[in-house]
Amino acid sequence: MSEQKRPPEDDGRDFADAAWSVPSYLLSGMIIWGGAGWLLSRWTGVDIFTPIGLIIGVGLAVYLVYIKFGKFDG
């Protein structure tokens, strides 16, 4: 009996997937963490939390993009 070869599974490195995922990660990181910083700024009256939240959001988004698309087997 012959074995049938299975096609390789999609591991998320498809160009179309990356083209939509990268900006989505960046925008969602800025919106969620920037929004949390904005809320904290409004609650405490200190304006520094909004930019800190935005920086944290972008940093975490870049980290997630690196984890998902930056590691190559080889």
N, C-alpha and C. Protein backbone atom coordinates (compact mmCIF):
# COMPACT_ATOMS: atom_id res chain seq x y z
N MET A 1 0.82 -1.17 0.00
CA MET A 1 0.00 0.00 0.00
C MET A 1 0.87 1.24 0.00
N SER A 2 0.44 2.20 -0.72
CA SER A 2 1.22 3.44 -0.79
C SER A 2 0.61 4.49 0.13
N GLU A 3 1.51 5.25 0.72
CA GLU A 3 1.06 6.32 1.60
C GLU A 3 0.84 7.58 0.79
N GLN A 4 -0.22 8.27 1.10
CA GLN A 4 -0.48 9.52 0.43
C GLN A 4 0.24 10.64 1.18
N LYS A 5 0.85 11.53 0.44
CA LYS A 5 1.52 12.66 1.06
C LYS A 5 0.50 13.74 1.36
N ARG A 6 0.59 14.24 2.58
CA ARG A 6 -0.32 15.31 2.97
C ARG A 6 0.34 16.65 2.69
N PRO A 7 -0.45 17.61 2.28
CA PRO A 7 0.14 18.94 2.06
C PRO A 7 0.59 19.55 3.38
N PRO A 8 1.63 20.37 3.34
CA PRO A 8 2.08 20.99 4.60
C PRO A 8 0.99 21.89 5.17
N GLU A 9 0.91 21.89 6.49
CA GLU A 9 -0.09 22.70 7.14
C GLU A 9 0.33 24.17 7.13
N ASP A 10 -0.65 25.03 7.12
CA ASP A 10 -0.38 26.46 7.16
C ASP A 10 0.09 26.85 8.55
N ASP A 11 1.28 27.44 8.64
CA ASP A 11 1.81 27.79 9.95
C ASP A 11 1.71 29.28 10.23
N GLY A 12 0.89 30.01 9.48
CA GLY A 12 0.68 31.41 9.75
C GLY A 12 1.67 32.35 9.10
N ARG A 13 2.54 31.85 8.25
CA ARG A 13 3.53 32.69 7.61
C ARG A 13 3.14 33.09 6.20
N ASP A 14 1.92 32.91 5.87
CA ASP A 14 1.42 33.29 4.57
C ASP A 14 1.45 34.81 4.46
N PHE A 15 1.77 35.30 3.27
CA PHE A 15 1.90 36.75 3.09
C PHE A 15 0.59 37.47 3.35
N ALA A 16 -0.51 36.93 2.87
CA ALA A 16 -1.81 37.59 3.08
C ALA A 16 -2.15 37.64 4.56
N ASP A 17 -1.82 36.60 5.29
CA ASP A 17 -2.06 36.59 6.73
C ASP A 17 -1.23 37.66 7.42
N ALA A 18 0.03 37.77 7.04
CA ALA A 18 0.91 38.76 7.65
C ALA A 18 0.50 40.17 7.26
N ALA A 19 0.02 40.34 6.05
CA ALA A 19 -0.35 41.67 5.59
C ALA A 19 -1.51 42.25 6.39
N TRP A 20 -2.38 41.41 6.89
CA TRP A 20 -3.48 41.89 7.72
C TRP A 20 -3.18 41.79 9.20
N SER A 21 -2.38 40.85 9.61
CA SER A 21 -2.13 40.64 11.04
C SER A 21 -1.22 41.71 11.65
N VAL A 22 -0.19 42.09 10.93
CA VAL A 22 0.77 43.04 11.50
C VAL A 22 0.11 44.38 11.82
N PRO A 23 -0.59 45.02 10.87
CA PRO A 23 -1.25 46.28 11.23
C PRO A 23 -2.34 46.10 12.29
N SER A 24 -3.00 44.95 12.27
CA SER A 24 -4.04 44.70 13.26
C SER A 24 -3.45 44.61 14.67
N TYR A 25 -2.33 43.92 14.80
CA TYR A 25 -1.66 43.85 16.10
C TYR A 25 -1.25 45.24 16.58
N LEU A 26 -0.66 46.03 15.67
CA LEU A 26 -0.20 47.36 16.05
C LEU A 26 -1.37 48.27 16.46
N LEU A 27 -2.43 48.26 15.68
CA LEU A 27 -3.58 49.11 16.01
C LEU A 27 -4.26 48.67 17.29
N SER A 28 -4.45 47.37 17.44
CA SER A 28 -5.13 46.91 18.65
C SER A 28 -4.28 47.15 19.90
N GLY A 29 -2.97 47.02 19.78
CA GLY A 29 -2.10 47.31 20.92
C GLY A 29 -2.20 48.77 21.32
N MET A 30 -2.18 49.67 20.32
CA MET A 30 -2.28 51.09 20.63
C MET A 30 -3.65 51.44 21.21
N ILE A 31 -4.71 50.84 20.65
CA ILE A 31 -6.05 51.16 21.13
C ILE A 31 -6.28 50.64 22.54
N ILE A 32 -5.92 49.40 22.79
CA ILE A 32 -6.19 48.80 24.11
C ILE A 32 -5.31 49.43 25.19
N TRP A 33 -4.00 49.44 24.98
CA TRP A 33 -3.10 49.96 26.03
C TRP A 33 -3.14 51.48 26.09
N GLY A 34 -3.30 52.13 24.94
CA GLY A 34 -3.46 53.58 24.95
C GLY A 34 -4.76 53.98 25.63
N GLY A 35 -5.81 53.21 25.37
CA GLY A 35 -7.08 53.47 26.05
C GLY A 35 -7.00 53.26 27.54
N ALA A 36 -6.29 52.22 27.94
CA ALA A 36 -6.10 51.99 29.38
C ALA A 36 -5.30 53.13 30.01
N GLY A 37 -4.28 53.62 29.29
CA GLY A 37 -3.52 54.76 29.79
C GLY A 37 -4.35 56.02 29.84
N TRP A 38 -5.20 56.21 28.85
CA TRP A 38 -6.08 57.38 28.83
C TRP A 38 -7.05 57.34 30.01
N LEU A 39 -7.64 56.16 30.24
CA LEU A 39 -8.55 56.03 31.38
C LEU A 39 -7.83 56.28 32.70
N LEU A 40 -6.62 55.76 32.82
CA LEU A 40 -5.84 55.98 34.04
C LEU A 40 -5.48 57.46 34.19
N SER A 41 -5.18 58.12 33.08
CA SER A 41 -4.89 59.55 33.12
C SER A 41 -6.10 60.35 33.56
N ARG A 42 -7.26 59.99 33.06
CA ARG A 42 -8.49 60.71 33.45
C ARG A 42 -8.82 60.45 34.91
N TRP A 43 -8.57 59.25 35.36
CA TRP A 43 -8.90 58.88 36.73
C TRP A 43 -7.98 59.58 37.74
N THR A 44 -6.68 59.63 37.40
CA THR A 44 -5.72 60.20 38.34
C THR A 44 -5.45 61.69 38.11
N GLY A 45 -5.75 62.20 36.92
CA GLY A 45 -5.47 63.60 36.61
C GLY A 45 -4.05 63.84 36.16
N VAL A 46 -3.27 62.80 35.97
CA VAL A 46 -1.88 62.90 35.50
C VAL A 46 -1.86 62.51 34.03
N ASP A 47 -1.33 63.39 33.18
CA ASP A 47 -1.41 63.18 31.73
C ASP A 47 -0.33 62.25 31.17
N ILE A 48 0.55 61.75 31.96
CA ILE A 48 1.67 60.94 31.46
C ILE A 48 1.27 59.51 31.12
N PHE A 49 0.15 59.03 31.62
CA PHE A 49 -0.22 57.63 31.43
C PHE A 49 -0.66 57.31 30.00
N THR A 50 -1.20 58.28 29.28
CA THR A 50 -1.63 58.02 27.90
C THR A 50 -0.44 57.68 27.00
N PRO A 51 0.62 58.51 26.96
CA PRO A 51 1.76 58.12 26.12
C PRO A 51 2.47 56.86 26.60
N ILE A 52 2.48 56.64 27.91
CA ILE A 52 3.08 55.41 28.42
C ILE A 52 2.28 54.20 27.94
N GLY A 53 0.96 54.29 27.99
CA GLY A 53 0.12 53.20 27.49
C GLY A 53 0.31 52.96 26.01
N LEU A 54 0.45 54.03 25.23
CA LEU A 54 0.69 53.87 23.79
C LEU A 54 2.04 53.19 23.52
N ILE A 55 3.06 53.59 24.25
CA ILE A 55 4.39 52.99 24.06
C ILE A 55 4.37 51.52 24.45
N ILE A 56 3.72 51.20 25.56
CA ILE A 56 3.63 49.80 25.98
C ILE A 56 2.85 49.00 24.95
N GLY A 57 1.75 49.56 24.43
CA GLY A 57 0.95 48.86 23.42
C GLY A 57 1.72 48.57 22.15
N VAL A 58 2.48 49.55 21.67
CA VAL A 58 3.28 49.34 20.46
C VAL A 58 4.39 48.33 20.73
N GLY A 59 5.02 48.44 21.89
CA GLY A 59 6.09 47.49 22.22
C GLY A 59 5.59 46.06 22.29
N LEU A 60 4.47 45.86 22.94
CA LEU A 60 3.91 44.50 23.03
C LEU A 60 3.45 44.00 21.66
N ALA A 61 2.91 44.90 20.84
CA ALA A 61 2.48 44.49 19.50
C ALA A 61 3.67 44.07 18.65
N VAL A 62 4.76 44.82 18.72
CA VAL A 62 5.97 44.45 17.97
C VAL A 62 6.50 43.11 18.46
N TYR A 63 6.47 42.89 19.76
CA TYR A 63 6.90 41.61 20.32
C TYR A 63 6.03 40.46 19.79
N LEU A 64 4.72 40.65 19.77
CA LEU A 64 3.83 39.60 19.26
C LEU A 64 4.05 39.34 17.77
N VAL A 65 4.30 40.39 17.00
CA VAL A 65 4.59 40.21 15.58
C VAL A 65 5.89 39.42 15.41
N TYR A 66 6.89 39.73 16.22
CA TYR A 66 8.14 38.99 16.14
C TYR A 66 7.93 37.51 16.50
N ILE A 67 7.16 37.25 17.53
CA ILE A 67 6.91 35.86 17.93
C ILE A 67 6.18 35.11 16.83
N LYS A 68 5.20 35.73 16.20
CA LYS A 68 4.40 35.03 15.22
C LYS A 68 5.09 34.92 13.86
N PHE A 69 5.74 35.99 13.40
CA PHE A 69 6.26 36.02 12.04
C PHE A 69 7.78 36.11 11.95
N GLY A 70 8.48 36.37 13.05
CA GLY A 70 9.90 36.60 12.98
C GLY A 70 10.79 35.38 13.12
N LYS A 71 10.24 34.32 13.68
CA LYS A 71 11.05 33.12 13.87
C LYS A 71 10.92 32.22 12.64
N PHE A 72 12.05 31.87 12.09
CA PHE A 72 12.05 31.00 10.92
C PHE A 72 12.75 29.70 11.25
N ASP A 73 12.18 28.61 10.83
CA ASP A 73 12.81 27.31 11.03
C ASP A 73 13.87 27.14 9.96
N GLY A 74 15.06 26.88 10.39
CA GLY A 74 16.05 26.69 9.35
C GLY A 74 17.40 26.77 9.78
